[in-house]
Amino acid sequence: MRARRPGPPAERGGPGGVLQFKIVLEEVSPPVWRRILLPAGCTFWDLHVAIQDAMGWSDYHLHEYTVRHPVKGVGRIGIPSPDGDDFGEPPLPGWKEKVTGWLAPKRNTASYEYDFGDGWVHKVTLEKVLPRERGARYPRCIGGARACPPEDCGGPPGYMDICRGKSEYQEAYSDFDPAAFDPRKVRFSDPARRLRLAQSDEEE
């Protein structure tokens, strides 16, 4: 099932600069990583959708960011439960938090966890702010290496077993090529539409 409990549509970036991010999946080797560009006004929800699309995840599970800010302290950003059944303080809604309110080049990084069962943790680095290219469309993937792990394969240990040919479910992954990735084939979803779809799922 697709992750639920969305809020209002994300704010869209304006005509200003562009943020360059590097996304690295932790606890796997060789590294699985992506480099993506987003409008400077993007929210953490916009970034979430871009990470999902660039990595190749299916957005079937919940996610959450953890960010250490020198003034704000540690922030948890994600999808708060509408029923108030979060453990401890609920995370801040990602569609309301702009990335530049928490991250800056050469200052700090964010941890982005997807699928709390498998525990896919990504290191998110805002590398630089670039001028917006005339006529260019964003988000855009400009680099990366290796295929996204299969969903629900058991997290990093299960993925590494697949890469070594030692998984007990190896036959199910016979078509999986861990070395395959082409940034030119990445297609990005509309974050606002993703929210509307999730909202309609919630109402059913």
C-alpha atoms as a PDB file:
ATOM      1  CA  MET A   1       0.000   0.000   0.000  1.00  0.00           C
ATOM      2  CA  ARG A   2       1.095   3.563  -0.631  1.00  0.00           C
ATOM      3  CA  ALA A   3       2.163   5.654   2.360  1.00  0.00           C
ATOM      4  CA  ARG A   4      -0.823   7.515   3.767  1.00  0.00           C
ATOM      5  CA  ARG A   5      -1.769  10.389   6.049  1.00  0.00           C
ATOM      6  CA  PRO A   6      -0.806  13.337   3.799  1.00  0.00           C
ATOM      7  CA  GLY A   7      -1.530  16.988   4.371  1.00  0.00           C
ATOM      8  CA  PRO A   8      -1.968  20.020   2.111  1.00  0.00           C
ATOM      9  CA  PRO A   9      -0.207  20.143  -1.274  1.00  0.00           C
ATOM     10  CA  ALA A  10       3.449  21.098  -1.098  1.00  0.00           C
ATOM     11  CA  GLU A  11       4.601  24.640  -1.777  1.00  0.00           C
ATOM     12  CA  ARG A  12       6.258  24.951  -5.167  1.00  0.00           C
ATOM     13  CA  GLY A  13       9.660  26.451  -5.736  1.00  0.00           C
ATOM     14  CA  GLY A  14       9.810  29.858  -7.366  1.00  0.00           C
ATOM     15  CA  PRO A  15      11.968  31.137 -10.222  1.00  0.00           C
ATOM     16  CA  GLY A  16      15.093  31.452  -8.035  1.00  0.00           C
ATOM     17  CA  GLY A  17      18.006  29.082  -7.596  1.00  0.00           C
ATOM     18  CA  VAL A  18      18.312  25.312  -7.686  1.00  0.00           C
ATOM     19  CA  LEU A  19      19.420  23.003  -4.878  1.00  0.00           C
ATOM     20  CA  GLN A  20      21.840  20.173  -5.671  1.00  0.00           C
ATOM     21  CA  PHE A  21      21.503  17.129  -3.405  1.00  0.00           C
ATOM     22  CA  LYS A  22      23.479  13.928  -3.086  1.00  0.00           C
ATOM     23  CA  ILE A  23      21.516  10.943  -1.773  1.00  0.00           C
ATOM     24  CA  VAL A  24      23.532   7.953  -0.519  1.00  0.00           C
ATOM     25  CA  LEU A  25      21.965   4.704   0.688  1.00  0.00           C
ATOM     26  CA  GLU A  26      23.775   3.676   3.863  1.00  0.00           C
ATOM     27  CA  GLU A  27      25.018   0.242   4.990  1.00  0.00           C
ATOM     28  CA  VAL A  28      25.400  -1.163   1.470  1.00  0.00           C
ATOM     29  CA  SER A  29      28.500  -1.672  -0.668  1.00  0.00           C
ATOM     30  CA  PRO A  30      29.266  -0.731  -3.402  1.00  0.00           C
ATOM     31  CA  PRO A  31      27.457   2.578  -2.819  1.00  0.00           C
ATOM     32  CA  VAL A  32      23.981   3.200  -4.227  1.00  0.00           C
ATOM     33  CA  TRP A  33      23.646   6.949  -4.743  1.00  0.00           C
ATOM     34  CA  ARG A  34      21.901   9.686  -6.709  1.00  0.00           C
ATOM     35  CA  ARG A  35      22.530  13.371  -7.430  1.00  0.00           C
ATOM     36  CA  ILE A  36      19.383  15.424  -7.998  1.00  0.00           C
ATOM     37  CA  LEU A  37      18.380  19.042  -8.597  1.00  0.00           C
ATOM     38  CA  LEU A  38      15.254  20.646  -7.091  1.00  0.00           C
ATOM     39  CA  PRO A  39      13.889  24.212  -7.075  1.00  0.00           C
ATOM     40  CA  ALA A  40      15.177  26.279  -4.142  1.00  0.00           C
ATOM     41  CA  GLY A  41      11.684  26.666  -2.683  1.00  0.00           C
ATOM     42  CA  CYS A  42      11.157  22.915  -2.308  1.00  0.00           C
ATOM     43  CA  THR A  43       9.717  21.344   0.821  1.00  0.00           C
ATOM     44  CA  PHE A  44      10.754  18.108   2.469  1.00  0.00           C
ATOM     45  CA  TRP A  45       7.702  16.493   0.862  1.00  0.00           C
ATOM     46  CA  ASP A  46       8.943  17.592  -2.583  1.00  0.00           C
ATOM     47  CA  LEU A  47      12.339  16.133  -1.717  1.00  0.00           C
ATOM     48  CA  HIS A  48      10.737  12.895  -0.483  1.00  0.00           C
ATOM     49  CA  VAL A  49       8.946  12.359  -3.797  1.00  0.00           C
ATOM     50  CA  ALA A  50      12.116  13.192  -5.746  1.00  0.00           C
ATOM     51  CA  ILE A  51      14.198  10.751  -3.667  1.00  0.00           C
ATOM     52  CA  GLN A  52      11.629   8.007  -4.205  1.00  0.00           C
ATOM     53  CA  ASP A  53      11.605   8.558  -7.963  1.00  0.00           C
ATOM     54  CA  ALA A  54      15.362   8.986  -8.389  1.00  0.00           C
ATOM     55  CA  MET A  55      16.230   5.974  -6.239  1.00  0.00           C
ATOM     56  CA  GLY A  56      13.521   3.793  -7.745  1.00  0.00           C
ATOM     57  CA  TRP A  57      11.452   3.139  -4.618  1.00  0.00           C
ATOM     58  CA  SER A  58       7.681   2.616  -4.901  1.00  0.00           C
ATOM     59  CA  ASP A  59       6.586   4.777  -1.929  1.00  0.00           C
ATOM     60  CA  TYR A  60       4.725   1.832  -0.392  1.00  0.00           C
ATOM     61  CA  HIS A  61       5.915   2.624   3.128  1.00  0.00           C
ATOM     62  CA  LEU A  62       6.198   5.528   5.540  1.00  0.00           C
ATOM     63  CA  HIS A  63       9.274   7.730   5.735  1.00  0.00           C
ATOM     64  CA  GLU A  64      10.880  10.216   8.101  1.00  0.00           C
ATOM     65  CA  TYR A  65      13.776  12.676   8.065  1.00  0.00           C
ATOM     66  CA  THR A  66      16.020  13.425  11.023  1.00  0.00           C
ATOM     67  CA  VAL A  67      17.890  16.730  10.788  1.00  0.00           C
ATOM     68  CA  ARG A  68      20.299  18.299  13.264  1.00  0.00           C
ATOM     69  CA  HIS A  69      20.094  22.083  13.030  1.00  0.00           C
ATOM     70  CA  PRO A  70      22.594  24.300  14.921  1.00  0.00           C
ATOM     71  CA  VAL A  71      19.798  26.526  16.266  1.00  0.00           C
ATOM     72  CA  LYS A  72      16.563  24.518  16.020  1.00  0.00           C
ATOM     73  CA  GLY A  73      18.078  21.342  17.416  1.00  0.00           C
ATOM     74  CA  VAL A  74      17.042  17.898  16.191  1.00  0.00           C
ATOM     75  CA  GLY A  75      14.023  17.907  13.904  1.00  0.00           C
ATOM     76  CA  ARG A  76      11.893  14.953  12.826  1.00  0.00           C
ATOM     77  CA  ILE A  77      10.047  15.642   9.591  1.00  0.00           C
ATOM     78  CA  GLY A  78       7.600  13.326   7.893  1.00  0.00           C
ATOM     79  CA  ILE A  79       3.906  12.435   8.040  1.00  0.00           C
ATOM     80  CA  PRO A  80       2.285  12.995  11.447  1.00  0.00           C
ATOM     81  CA  SER A  81      -0.570  10.670  12.328  1.00  0.00           C
ATOM     82  CA  PRO A  82      -3.998  12.347  12.026  1.00  0.00           C
ATOM     83  CA  ASP A  83      -5.121  10.256  15.004  1.00  0.00           C
ATOM     84  CA  GLY A  84      -2.342  11.550  17.240  1.00  0.00           C
ATOM     85  CA  ASP A  85      -0.962   8.054  17.818  1.00  0.00           C
ATOM     86  CA  ASP A  86       2.669   8.931  17.085  1.00  0.00           C
ATOM     87  CA  PHE A  87       5.213   7.709  19.609  1.00  0.00           C
ATOM     88  CA  GLY A  88       6.362  10.791  21.527  1.00  0.00           C
ATOM     89  CA  GLU A  89       6.283  14.105  19.715  1.00  0.00           C
ATOM     90  CA  PRO A  90       4.814  13.804  16.205  1.00  0.00           C
ATOM     91  CA  PRO A  91       7.105  14.631  13.278  1.00  0.00           C
ATOM     92  CA  LEU A  92       6.748  17.990  11.587  1.00  0.00           C
ATOM     93  CA  PRO A  93       4.677  17.750   8.383  1.00  0.00           C
ATOM     94  CA  GLY A  94       7.085  17.624   5.454  1.00  0.00           C
ATOM     95  CA  TRP A  95       4.781  19.620   3.180  1.00  0.00           C
ATOM     96  CA  LYS A  96       5.063  22.616   5.535  1.00  0.00           C
ATOM     97  CA  GLU A  97       8.841  22.585   6.077  1.00  0.00           C
ATOM     98  CA  LYS A  98      11.122  24.101   3.446  1.00  0.00           C
ATOM     99  CA  VAL A  99      14.420  22.312   3.006  1.00  0.00           C
ATOM    100  CA  THR A 100      16.402  25.555   3.202  1.00  0.00           C
ATOM    101  CA  GLY A 101      14.925  26.195   6.648  1.00  0.00           C
ATOM    102  CA  TRP A 102      16.906  23.209   7.923  1.00  0.00           C
ATOM    103  CA  LEU A 103      19.774  22.425   5.556  1.00  0.00           C
ATOM    104  CA  ALA A 104      22.611  24.514   4.164  1.00  0.00           C
ATOM    105  CA  PRO A 105      25.651  23.588   2.057  1.00  0.00           C
ATOM    106  CA  LYS A 106      28.683  22.563   4.144  1.00  0.00           C
ATOM    107  CA  ARG A 107      26.702  22.939   7.396  1.00  0.00           C
ATOM    108  CA  ASN A 108      24.701  19.792   8.076  1.00  0.00           C
ATOM    109  CA  THR A 109      23.066  16.744   6.528  1.00  0.00           C
ATOM    110  CA  ALA A 110      19.765  14.929   6.933  1.00  0.00           C
ATOM    111  CA  SER A 111      18.964  11.278   7.477  1.00  0.00           C
ATOM    112  CA  TYR A 112      16.024  10.009   5.403  1.00  0.00           C
ATOM    113  CA  GLU A 113      14.587   6.655   6.458  1.00  0.00           C
ATOM    114  CA  TYR A 114      12.175   4.799   4.194  1.00  0.00           C
ATOM    115  CA  ASP A 115      10.270   1.670   5.282  1.00  0.00           C
ATOM    116  CA  PHE A 116      10.669   1.389   9.037  1.00  0.00           C
ATOM    117  CA  GLY A 117      10.600  -2.420   8.759  1.00  0.00           C
ATOM    118  CA  ASP A 118      13.465  -2.847   6.301  1.00  0.00           C
ATOM    119  CA  GLY A 119      15.117   0.344   7.553  1.00  0.00           C
ATOM    120  CA  TRP A 120      16.511   1.938   4.391  1.00  0.00           C
ATOM    121  CA  VAL A 121      18.478   4.942   5.654  1.00  0.00           C
ATOM    122  CA  HIS A 122      19.761   7.527   3.183  1.00  0.00           C
ATOM    123  CA  LYS A 123      22.250  10.297   3.877  1.00  0.00           C
ATOM    124  CA  VAL A 124      20.973  13.519   2.296  1.00  0.00           C
ATOM    125  CA  THR A 125      23.527  16.262   1.613  1.00  0.00           C
ATOM    126  CA  LEU A 126      22.670  19.680   0.202  1.00  0.00           C
ATOM    127  CA  GLU A 127      25.864  20.154  -1.796  1.00  0.00           C
ATOM    128  CA  LYS A 128      25.368  23.571  -3.361  1.00  0.00           C
ATOM    129  CA  VAL A 129      22.946  26.185  -4.649  1.00  0.00           C
ATOM    130  CA  LEU A 130      23.075  26.734  -8.415  1.00  0.00           C
ATOM    131  CA  PRO A 131      21.528  29.294 -10.767  1.00  0.00           C
ATOM    132  CA  ARG A 132      18.429  28.091 -12.530  1.00  0.00           C
ATOM    133  CA  GLU A 133      19.042  27.196 -16.182  1.00  0.00           C
ATOM    134  CA  ARG A 134      16.776  28.863 -18.707  1.00  0.00           C
ATOM    135  CA  GLY A 135      14.269  26.359 -20.059  1.00  0.00           C
ATOM    136  CA  ALA A 136      15.358  23.571 -17.697  1.00  0.00           C
ATOM    137  CA  ARG A 137      12.798  21.447 -15.864  1.00  0.00           C
ATOM    138  CA  TYR A 138      13.136  20.390 -12.247  1.00  0.00           C
ATOM    139  CA  PRO A 139      13.462  18.031 -10.439  1.00  0.00           C
ATOM    140  CA  ARG A 140      16.221  16.435 -12.466  1.00  0.00           C
ATOM    141  CA  CYS A 141      18.610  13.546 -11.844  1.00  0.00           C
ATOM    142  CA  ILE A 142      22.127  14.340 -13.021  1.00  0.00           C
ATOM    143  CA  GLY A 143      24.067  11.361 -11.702  1.00  0.00           C
ATOM    144  CA  GLY A 144      24.079   8.179  -9.693  1.00  0.00           C
ATOM    145  CA  ALA A 145      25.229   4.597  -9.486  1.00  0.00           C
ATOM    146  CA  ARG A 146      23.678   1.158  -9.063  1.00  0.00           C
ATOM    147  CA  ALA A 147      20.093   0.007  -8.990  1.00  0.00           C
ATOM    148  CA  CYS A 148      17.660   0.581  -6.172  1.00  0.00           C
ATOM    149  CA  PRO A 149      17.285  -2.515  -3.969  1.00  0.00           C
ATOM    150  CA  PRO A 150      14.044  -4.482  -4.407  1.00  0.00           C
ATOM    151  CA  GLU A 151      11.216  -3.478  -2.080  1.00  0.00           C
ATOM    152  CA  ASP A 152      10.705  -5.663   1.010  1.00  0.00           C
ATOM    153  CA  CYS A 153      13.897  -7.670   0.492  1.00  0.00           C
ATOM    154  CA  GLY A 154      14.970  -7.516   4.139  1.00  0.00           C
ATOM    155  CA  GLY A 155      16.842  -4.217   4.321  1.00  0.00           C
ATOM    156  CA  PRO A 156      20.589  -3.855   3.760  1.00  0.00           C
ATOM    157  CA  PRO A 157      21.458  -7.406   4.957  1.00  0.00           C
ATOM    158  CA  GLY A 158      18.886  -8.969   2.626  1.00  0.00           C
ATOM    159  CA  TYR A 159      20.015  -6.776  -0.257  1.00  0.00           C
ATOM    160  CA  MET A 160      23.660  -7.708   0.249  1.00  0.00           C
ATOM    161  CA  ASP A 161      22.710 -11.401   0.260  1.00  0.00           C
ATOM    162  CA  ILE A 162      20.971 -10.882  -3.102  1.00  0.00           C
ATOM    163  CA  CYS A 163      24.077  -9.176  -4.520  1.00  0.00           C
ATOM    164  CA  ARG A 164      26.242 -12.094  -3.317  1.00  0.00           C
ATOM    165  CA  GLY A 165      23.813 -14.686  -4.697  1.00  0.00           C
ATOM    166  CA  LYS A 166      23.140 -16.028  -1.203  1.00  0.00           C
ATOM    167  CA  SER A 167      19.511 -15.015  -0.626  1.00  0.00           C
ATOM    168  CA  GLU A 168      17.088 -17.826   0.186  1.00  0.00           C
ATOM    169  CA  TYR A 169      14.769 -16.094  -2.302  1.00  0.00           C
ATOM    170  CA  GLN A 170      17.457 -15.718  -4.974  1.00  0.00           C
ATOM    171  CA  GLU A 171      15.291 -17.185  -7.724  1.00  0.00           C
ATOM    172  CA  ALA A 172      12.729 -14.404  -7.242  1.00  0.00           C
ATOM    173  CA  TYR A 173      15.444 -11.827  -7.995  1.00  0.00           C
ATOM    174  CA  SER A 174      16.923 -13.539 -11.049  1.00  0.00           C
ATOM    175  CA  ASP A 175      16.167 -10.502 -13.247  1.00  0.00           C
ATOM    176  CA  PHE A 176      17.608  -7.973 -10.791  1.00  0.00           C
ATOM    177  CA  ASP A 177      20.858  -6.326 -11.934  1.00  0.00           C
ATOM    178  CA  PRO A 178      22.391  -4.389  -9.007  1.00  0.00           C
ATOM    179  CA  ALA A 179      24.787  -2.520 -11.320  1.00  0.00           C
ATOM    180  CA  ALA A 180      22.080  -1.110 -13.601  1.00  0.00           C
ATOM    181  CA  PHE A 181      21.231   2.601 -13.409  1.00  0.00           C
ATOM    182  CA  ASP A 182      20.752   5.319 -16.026  1.00  0.00           C
ATOM    183  CA  PRO A 183      19.920   8.826 -14.724  1.00  0.00           C
ATOM    184  CA  ARG A 184      18.419   9.709 -18.116  1.00  0.00           C
ATOM    185  CA  LYS A 185      15.611   7.213 -17.483  1.00  0.00           C
ATOM    186  CA  VAL A 186      14.471   8.769 -14.190  1.00  0.00           C
ATOM    187  CA  ARG A 187      10.967  10.239 -14.376  1.00  0.00           C
ATOM    188  CA  PHE A 188       9.681  12.459 -11.590  1.00  0.00           C
ATOM    189  CA  SER A 189       6.150  12.531 -10.189  1.00  0.00           C
ATOM    190  CA  ASP A 190       4.180  15.644  -9.276  1.00  0.00           C
ATOM    191  CA  PRO A 191       4.308  15.976  -5.454  1.00  0.00           C
ATOM    192  CA  ALA A 192       0.892  17.660  -5.289  1.00  0.00           C
ATOM    193  CA  ARG A 193      -0.682  14.870  -7.323  1.00  0.00           C
ATOM    194  CA  ARG A 194       1.029  12.290  -5.108  1.00  0.00           C
ATOM    195  CA  LEU A 195      -0.605  13.923  -2.109  1.00  0.00           C
ATOM    196  CA  ARG A 196      -4.022  13.970  -3.740  1.00  0.00           C
ATOM    197  CA  LEU A 197      -3.743  10.280  -4.588  1.00  0.00           C
ATOM    198  CA  ALA A 198      -2.728   9.485  -1.033  1.00  0.00           C
ATOM    199  CA  GLN A 199      -5.637  11.542   0.281  1.00  0.00           C
ATOM    200  CA  SER A 200      -8.086   9.627  -1.893  1.00  0.00           C
ATOM    201  CA  ASP A 201      -6.633   6.349  -0.572  1.00  0.00           C
ATOM    202  CA  GLU A 202      -7.167   7.625   2.956  1.00  0.00           C
ATOM    203  CA  GLU A 203     -10.852   8.348   2.281  1.00  0.00           C
ATOM    204  CA  GLU A 204     -11.624   4.887   0.855  1.00  0.00           C
END
